[in-house]
Amino acid sequence: MIRIDAMWLAIEPLDMRAGTEAALARVISVFGAARPHHAYLFANRRANRMKVLVHDGIGVWLAARRLNSGKFAWPRDITGTLTLNQAQFDALVLGLPWQRIGEAGVITLL
Protein backbone atom coordinates (compact mmCIF):
# COMPACT_ATOMS: atom_id res chain seq x y z
CA MET A 1 0.00 0.00 0.00
CA ILE A 2 1.26 3.48 -0.87
CA ARG A 3 1.23 5.89 2.07
CA ILE A 4 -0.41 9.24 1.29
CA ASP A 5 -0.29 11.97 3.94
CA ALA A 6 -1.71 14.85 1.88
CA MET A 7 -3.75 15.18 -1.31
CA TRP A 8 -3.58 18.27 -3.50
CA LEU A 9 -5.99 19.19 -6.26
CA ALA A 10 -4.78 21.37 -9.16
CA ILE A 11 -7.44 23.61 -10.65
CA GLU A 12 -5.92 24.10 -14.12
CA PRO A 13 -6.50 21.19 -16.54
CA LEU A 14 -3.75 18.79 -17.59
CA ASP A 15 -3.41 17.23 -21.04
CA MET A 16 -4.20 13.57 -20.41
CA ARG A 17 -1.57 12.53 -22.93
CA ALA A 18 1.01 13.67 -20.36
CA GLY A 19 3.19 10.89 -19.05
CA THR A 20 5.05 10.64 -15.77
CA GLU A 21 7.72 13.21 -16.63
CA ALA A 22 5.24 15.82 -17.93
CA ALA A 23 2.94 15.30 -14.94
CA LEU A 24 5.90 15.61 -12.55
CA ALA A 25 6.98 18.82 -14.30
CA ARG A 26 3.44 20.19 -13.87
CA VAL A 27 3.46 19.24 -10.16
CA ILE A 28 6.72 21.13 -9.69
CA SER A 29 5.47 24.19 -11.59
CA VAL A 30 2.08 24.30 -9.79
CA PHE A 31 3.00 23.11 -6.28
CA GLY A 32 6.67 24.08 -6.12
CA ALA A 33 7.90 20.54 -5.44
CA ALA A 34 6.79 16.92 -5.35
CA ARG A 35 6.87 16.05 -1.67
CA PRO A 36 7.17 12.47 -0.40
CA HIS A 37 3.87 10.81 0.51
CA HIS A 38 1.81 13.49 -1.21
CA ALA A 39 -0.68 12.91 -4.04
CA TYR A 40 -1.33 15.49 -6.77
CA LEU A 41 -4.60 15.36 -8.72
CA PHE A 42 -5.24 16.79 -12.19
CA ALA A 43 -8.24 16.63 -14.53
CA ASN A 44 -8.66 17.30 -18.24
CA ARG A 45 -10.74 20.23 -19.57
CA ARG A 46 -13.96 18.21 -19.75
CA ALA A 47 -13.34 16.85 -16.23
CA ASN A 48 -14.16 13.29 -17.25
CA ARG A 49 -10.57 12.06 -16.81
CA MET A 50 -8.21 12.40 -13.88
CA LYS A 51 -4.53 11.69 -13.27
CA VAL A 52 -2.97 11.28 -9.85
CA LEU A 53 0.76 11.53 -9.31
CA VAL A 54 2.06 10.15 -6.00
CA HIS A 55 5.60 10.52 -4.69
CA ASP A 56 6.17 7.48 -2.44
CA GLY A 57 9.53 8.65 -1.06
CA ILE A 58 11.55 6.62 -3.57
CA GLY A 59 9.91 7.28 -6.93
CA VAL A 60 6.67 8.45 -8.44
CA TRP A 61 3.44 6.66 -9.39
CA LEU A 62 1.04 7.92 -12.03
CA ALA A 63 -2.52 6.62 -12.07
CA ALA A 64 -5.40 7.53 -14.39
CA ARG A 65 -9.17 7.33 -13.96
CA ARG A 66 -11.87 7.87 -16.58
CA LEU A 67 -15.59 8.16 -16.00
CA ASN A 68 -17.74 6.42 -18.60
CA SER A 69 -20.49 8.97 -18.08
CA GLY A 70 -20.72 12.22 -16.19
CA LYS A 71 -17.91 14.41 -14.91
CA PHE A 72 -15.74 14.80 -11.87
CA ALA A 73 -16.89 17.66 -9.63
CA TRP A 74 -13.86 19.81 -10.46
CA PRO A 75 -13.76 23.42 -9.27
CA ARG A 76 -13.56 25.95 -12.11
CA ASP A 77 -14.19 29.36 -10.57
CA ILE A 78 -11.10 29.60 -8.35
CA THR A 79 -7.37 29.67 -9.02
CA GLY A 80 -4.49 27.82 -7.43
CA THR A 81 -4.73 24.52 -5.57
CA LEU A 82 -6.85 22.85 -2.90
CA THR A 83 -6.17 20.17 -0.32
CA LEU A 84 -8.51 17.21 0.09
CA ASN A 85 -9.12 14.87 2.99
CA GLN A 86 -9.69 11.14 2.48
CA ALA A 87 -13.50 11.37 2.47
CA GLN A 88 -13.42 14.17 -0.11
CA PHE A 89 -11.00 12.19 -2.29
CA ASP A 90 -13.19 9.08 -2.09
CA ALA A 91 -16.20 11.11 -3.23
CA LEU A 92 -14.24 12.90 -5.97
CA VAL A 93 -13.03 9.72 -7.68
CA LEU A 94 -16.62 8.45 -7.78
CA GLY A 95 -17.80 11.65 -9.44
CA LEU A 96 -19.76 12.80 -6.37
CA PRO A 97 -19.96 16.39 -5.06
CA TRP A 98 -16.98 16.17 -2.70
CA GLN A 99 -17.17 19.89 -1.80
CA ARG A 100 -20.11 19.11 0.53
CA ILE A 101 -18.12 16.63 2.63
CA GLY A 102 -16.20 17.67 5.73
CA GLU A 103 -15.93 21.31 6.82
CA ALA A 104 -17.69 22.57 3.69
CA GLY A 105 -20.82 20.58 4.63
CA VAL A 106 -21.14 21.97 8.15
CA ILE A 107 -24.42 23.83 8.81
CA THR A 108 -23.97 26.81 11.12
CA LEU A 109 -27.18 28.83 10.59
CA LEU A 110 -30.86 27.97 10.49
C-alpha atoms as a PDB file:
ATOM      1  CA  MET A   1       0.000   0.000   0.000  1.00  0.00           C
ATOM      2  CA  ILE A   2       1.261   3.483  -0.870  1.00  0.00           C
ATOM      3  CA  ARG A   3       1.233   5.892   2.071  1.00  0.00           C
ATOM      4  CA  ILE A   4      -0.410   9.243   1.292  1.00  0.00           C
ATOM      5  CA  ASP A   5      -0.286  11.969   3.940  1.00  0.00           C
ATOM      6  CA  ALA A   6      -1.713  14.846   1.881  1.00  0.00           C
ATOM      7  CA  MET A   7      -3.751  15.181  -1.314  1.00  0.00           C
ATOM      8  CA  TRP A   8      -3.575  18.272  -3.499  1.00  0.00           C
ATOM      9  CA  LEU A   9      -5.986  19.191  -6.264  1.00  0.00           C
ATOM     10  CA  ALA A  10      -4.778  21.365  -9.158  1.00  0.00           C
ATOM     11  CA  ILE A  11      -7.439  23.605 -10.646  1.00  0.00           C
ATOM     12  CA  GLU A  12      -5.924  24.100 -14.116  1.00  0.00           C
ATOM     13  CA  PRO A  13      -6.499  21.194 -16.538  1.00  0.00           C
ATOM     14  CA  LEU A  14      -3.755  18.789 -17.592  1.00  0.00           C
ATOM     15  CA  ASP A  15      -3.412  17.233 -21.042  1.00  0.00           C
ATOM     16  CA  MET A  16      -4.203  13.567 -20.405  1.00  0.00           C
ATOM     17  CA  ARG A  17      -1.571  12.526 -22.932  1.00  0.00           C
ATOM     18  CA  ALA A  18       1.009  13.666 -20.365  1.00  0.00           C
ATOM     19  CA  GLY A  19       3.190  10.888 -19.055  1.00  0.00           C
ATOM     20  CA  THR A  20       5.047  10.643 -15.769  1.00  0.00           C
ATOM     21  CA  GLU A  21       7.715  13.210 -16.629  1.00  0.00           C
ATOM     22  CA  ALA A  22       5.243  15.818 -17.932  1.00  0.00           C
ATOM     23  CA  ALA A  23       2.938  15.298 -14.940  1.00  0.00           C
ATOM     24  CA  LEU A  24       5.896  15.607 -12.552  1.00  0.00           C
ATOM     25  CA  ALA A  25       6.980  18.822 -14.300  1.00  0.00           C
ATOM     26  CA  ARG A  26       3.436  20.186 -13.872  1.00  0.00           C
ATOM     27  CA  VAL A  27       3.461  19.244 -10.161  1.00  0.00           C
ATOM     28  CA  ILE A  28       6.724  21.130  -9.686  1.00  0.00           C
ATOM     29  CA  SER A  29       5.467  24.188 -11.586  1.00  0.00           C
ATOM     30  CA  VAL A  30       2.080  24.296  -9.787  1.00  0.00           C
ATOM     31  CA  PHE A  31       2.997  23.106  -6.284  1.00  0.00           C
ATOM     32  CA  GLY A  32       6.666  24.085  -6.120  1.00  0.00           C
ATOM     33  CA  ALA A  33       7.904  20.538  -5.444  1.00  0.00           C
ATOM     34  CA  ALA A  34       6.793  16.923  -5.347  1.00  0.00           C
ATOM     35  CA  ARG A  35       6.867  16.048  -1.666  1.00  0.00           C
ATOM     36  CA  PRO A  36       7.171  12.471  -0.397  1.00  0.00           C
ATOM     37  CA  HIS A  37       3.874  10.811   0.514  1.00  0.00           C
ATOM     38  CA  HIS A  38       1.810  13.495  -1.211  1.00  0.00           C
ATOM     39  CA  ALA A  39      -0.684  12.908  -4.036  1.00  0.00           C
ATOM     40  CA  TYR A  40      -1.334  15.493  -6.767  1.00  0.00           C
ATOM     41  CA  LEU A  41      -4.600  15.356  -8.720  1.00  0.00           C
ATOM     42  CA  PHE A  42      -5.241  16.786 -12.190  1.00  0.00           C
ATOM     43  CA  ALA A  43      -8.237  16.633 -14.531  1.00  0.00           C
ATOM     44  CA  ASN A  44      -8.663  17.296 -18.235  1.00  0.00           C
ATOM     45  CA  ARG A  45     -10.736  20.232 -19.566  1.00  0.00           C
ATOM     46  CA  ARG A  46     -13.960  18.215 -19.750  1.00  0.00           C
ATOM     47  CA  ALA A  47     -13.344  16.852 -16.226  1.00  0.00           C
ATOM     48  CA  ASN A  48     -14.157  13.288 -17.253  1.00  0.00           C
ATOM     49  CA  ARG A  49     -10.567  12.065 -16.811  1.00  0.00           C
ATOM     50  CA  MET A  50      -8.210  12.405 -13.878  1.00  0.00           C
ATOM     51  CA  LYS A  51      -4.534  11.692 -13.269  1.00  0.00           C
ATOM     52  CA  VAL A  52      -2.971  11.281  -9.852  1.00  0.00           C
ATOM     53  CA  LEU A  53       0.758  11.528  -9.315  1.00  0.00           C
ATOM     54  CA  VAL A  54       2.064  10.153  -6.004  1.00  0.00           C
ATOM     55  CA  HIS A  55       5.604  10.519  -4.690  1.00  0.00           C
ATOM     56  CA  ASP A  56       6.171   7.484  -2.441  1.00  0.00           C
ATOM     57  CA  GLY A  57       9.530   8.650  -1.063  1.00  0.00           C
ATOM     58  CA  ILE A  58      11.554   6.624  -3.573  1.00  0.00           C
ATOM     59  CA  GLY A  59       9.914   7.282  -6.928  1.00  0.00           C
ATOM     60  CA  VAL A  60       6.665   8.449  -8.444  1.00  0.00           C
ATOM     61  CA  TRP A  61       3.440   6.655  -9.392  1.00  0.00           C
ATOM     62  CA  LEU A  62       1.037   7.921 -12.031  1.00  0.00           C
ATOM     63  CA  ALA A  63      -2.522   6.621 -12.072  1.00  0.00           C
ATOM     64  CA  ALA A  64      -5.397   7.533 -14.386  1.00  0.00           C
ATOM     65  CA  ARG A  65      -9.167   7.328 -13.965  1.00  0.00           C
ATOM     66  CA  ARG A  66     -11.866   7.866 -16.577  1.00  0.00           C
ATOM     67  CA  LEU A  67     -15.589   8.165 -16.003  1.00  0.00           C
ATOM     68  CA  ASN A  68     -17.736   6.415 -18.602  1.00  0.00           C
ATOM     69  CA  SER A  69     -20.486   8.967 -18.076  1.00  0.00           C
ATOM     70  CA  GLY A  70     -20.716  12.219 -16.192  1.00  0.00           C
ATOM     71  CA  LYS A  71     -17.914  14.413 -14.907  1.00  0.00           C
ATOM     72  CA  PHE A  72     -15.739  14.803 -11.866  1.00  0.00           C
ATOM     73  CA  ALA A  73     -16.891  17.662  -9.626  1.00  0.00           C
ATOM     74  CA  TRP A  74     -13.858  19.805 -10.457  1.00  0.00           C
ATOM     75  CA  PRO A  75     -13.763  23.420  -9.269  1.00  0.00           C
ATOM     76  CA  ARG A  76     -13.558  25.948 -12.106  1.00  0.00           C
ATOM     77  CA  ASP A  77     -14.186  29.359 -10.566  1.00  0.00           C
ATOM     78  CA  ILE A  78     -11.099  29.595  -8.351  1.00  0.00           C
ATOM     79  CA  THR A  79      -7.373  29.673  -9.019  1.00  0.00           C
ATOM     80  CA  GLY A  80      -4.494  27.823  -7.430  1.00  0.00           C
ATOM     81  CA  THR A  81      -4.727  24.524  -5.570  1.00  0.00           C
ATOM     82  CA  LEU A  82      -6.846  22.852  -2.904  1.00  0.00           C
ATOM     83  CA  THR A  83      -6.168  20.172  -0.322  1.00  0.00           C
ATOM     84  CA  LEU A  84      -8.509  17.211   0.090  1.00  0.00           C
ATOM     85  CA  ASN A  85      -9.119  14.867   2.990  1.00  0.00           C
ATOM     86  CA  GLN A  86      -9.688  11.137   2.484  1.00  0.00           C
ATOM     87  CA  ALA A  87     -13.500  11.368   2.473  1.00  0.00           C
ATOM     88  CA  GLN A  88     -13.421  14.170  -0.109  1.00  0.00           C
ATOM     89  CA  PHE A  89     -10.999  12.194  -2.287  1.00  0.00           C
ATOM     90  CA  ASP A  90     -13.186   9.085  -2.085  1.00  0.00           C
ATOM     91  CA  ALA A  91     -16.204  11.113  -3.230  1.00  0.00           C
ATOM     92  CA  LEU A  92     -14.241  12.901  -5.971  1.00  0.00           C
ATOM     93  CA  VAL A  93     -13.027   9.722  -7.680  1.00  0.00           C
ATOM     94  CA  LEU A  94     -16.619   8.451  -7.775  1.00  0.00           C
ATOM     95  CA  GLY A  95     -17.801  11.653  -9.440  1.00  0.00           C
ATOM     96  CA  LEU A  96     -19.763  12.799  -6.373  1.00  0.00           C
ATOM     97  CA  PRO A  97     -19.959  16.393  -5.056  1.00  0.00           C
ATOM     98  CA  TRP A  98     -16.982  16.173  -2.701  1.00  0.00           C
ATOM     99  CA  GLN A  99     -17.174  19.892  -1.797  1.00  0.00           C
ATOM    100  CA  ARG A 100     -20.107  19.110   0.525  1.00  0.00           C
ATOM    101  CA  ILE A 101     -18.122  16.627   2.628  1.00  0.00           C
ATOM    102  CA  GLY A 102     -16.203  17.675   5.729  1.00  0.00           C
ATOM    103  CA  GLU A 103     -15.927  21.305   6.822  1.00  0.00           C
ATOM    104  CA  ALA A 104     -17.694  22.566   3.688  1.00  0.00           C
ATOM    105  CA  GLY A 105     -20.818  20.580   4.630  1.00  0.00           C
ATOM    106  CA  VAL A 106     -21.144  21.974   8.152  1.00  0.00           C
ATOM    107  CA  ILE A 107     -24.424  23.827   8.814  1.00  0.00           C
ATOM    108  CA  THR A 108     -23.972  26.806  11.124  1.00  0.00           C
ATOM    109  CA  LEU A 109     -27.181  28.832  10.593  1.00  0.00           C
ATOM    110  CA  LEU A 110     -30.865  27.973  10.488  1.00  0.00           C
END
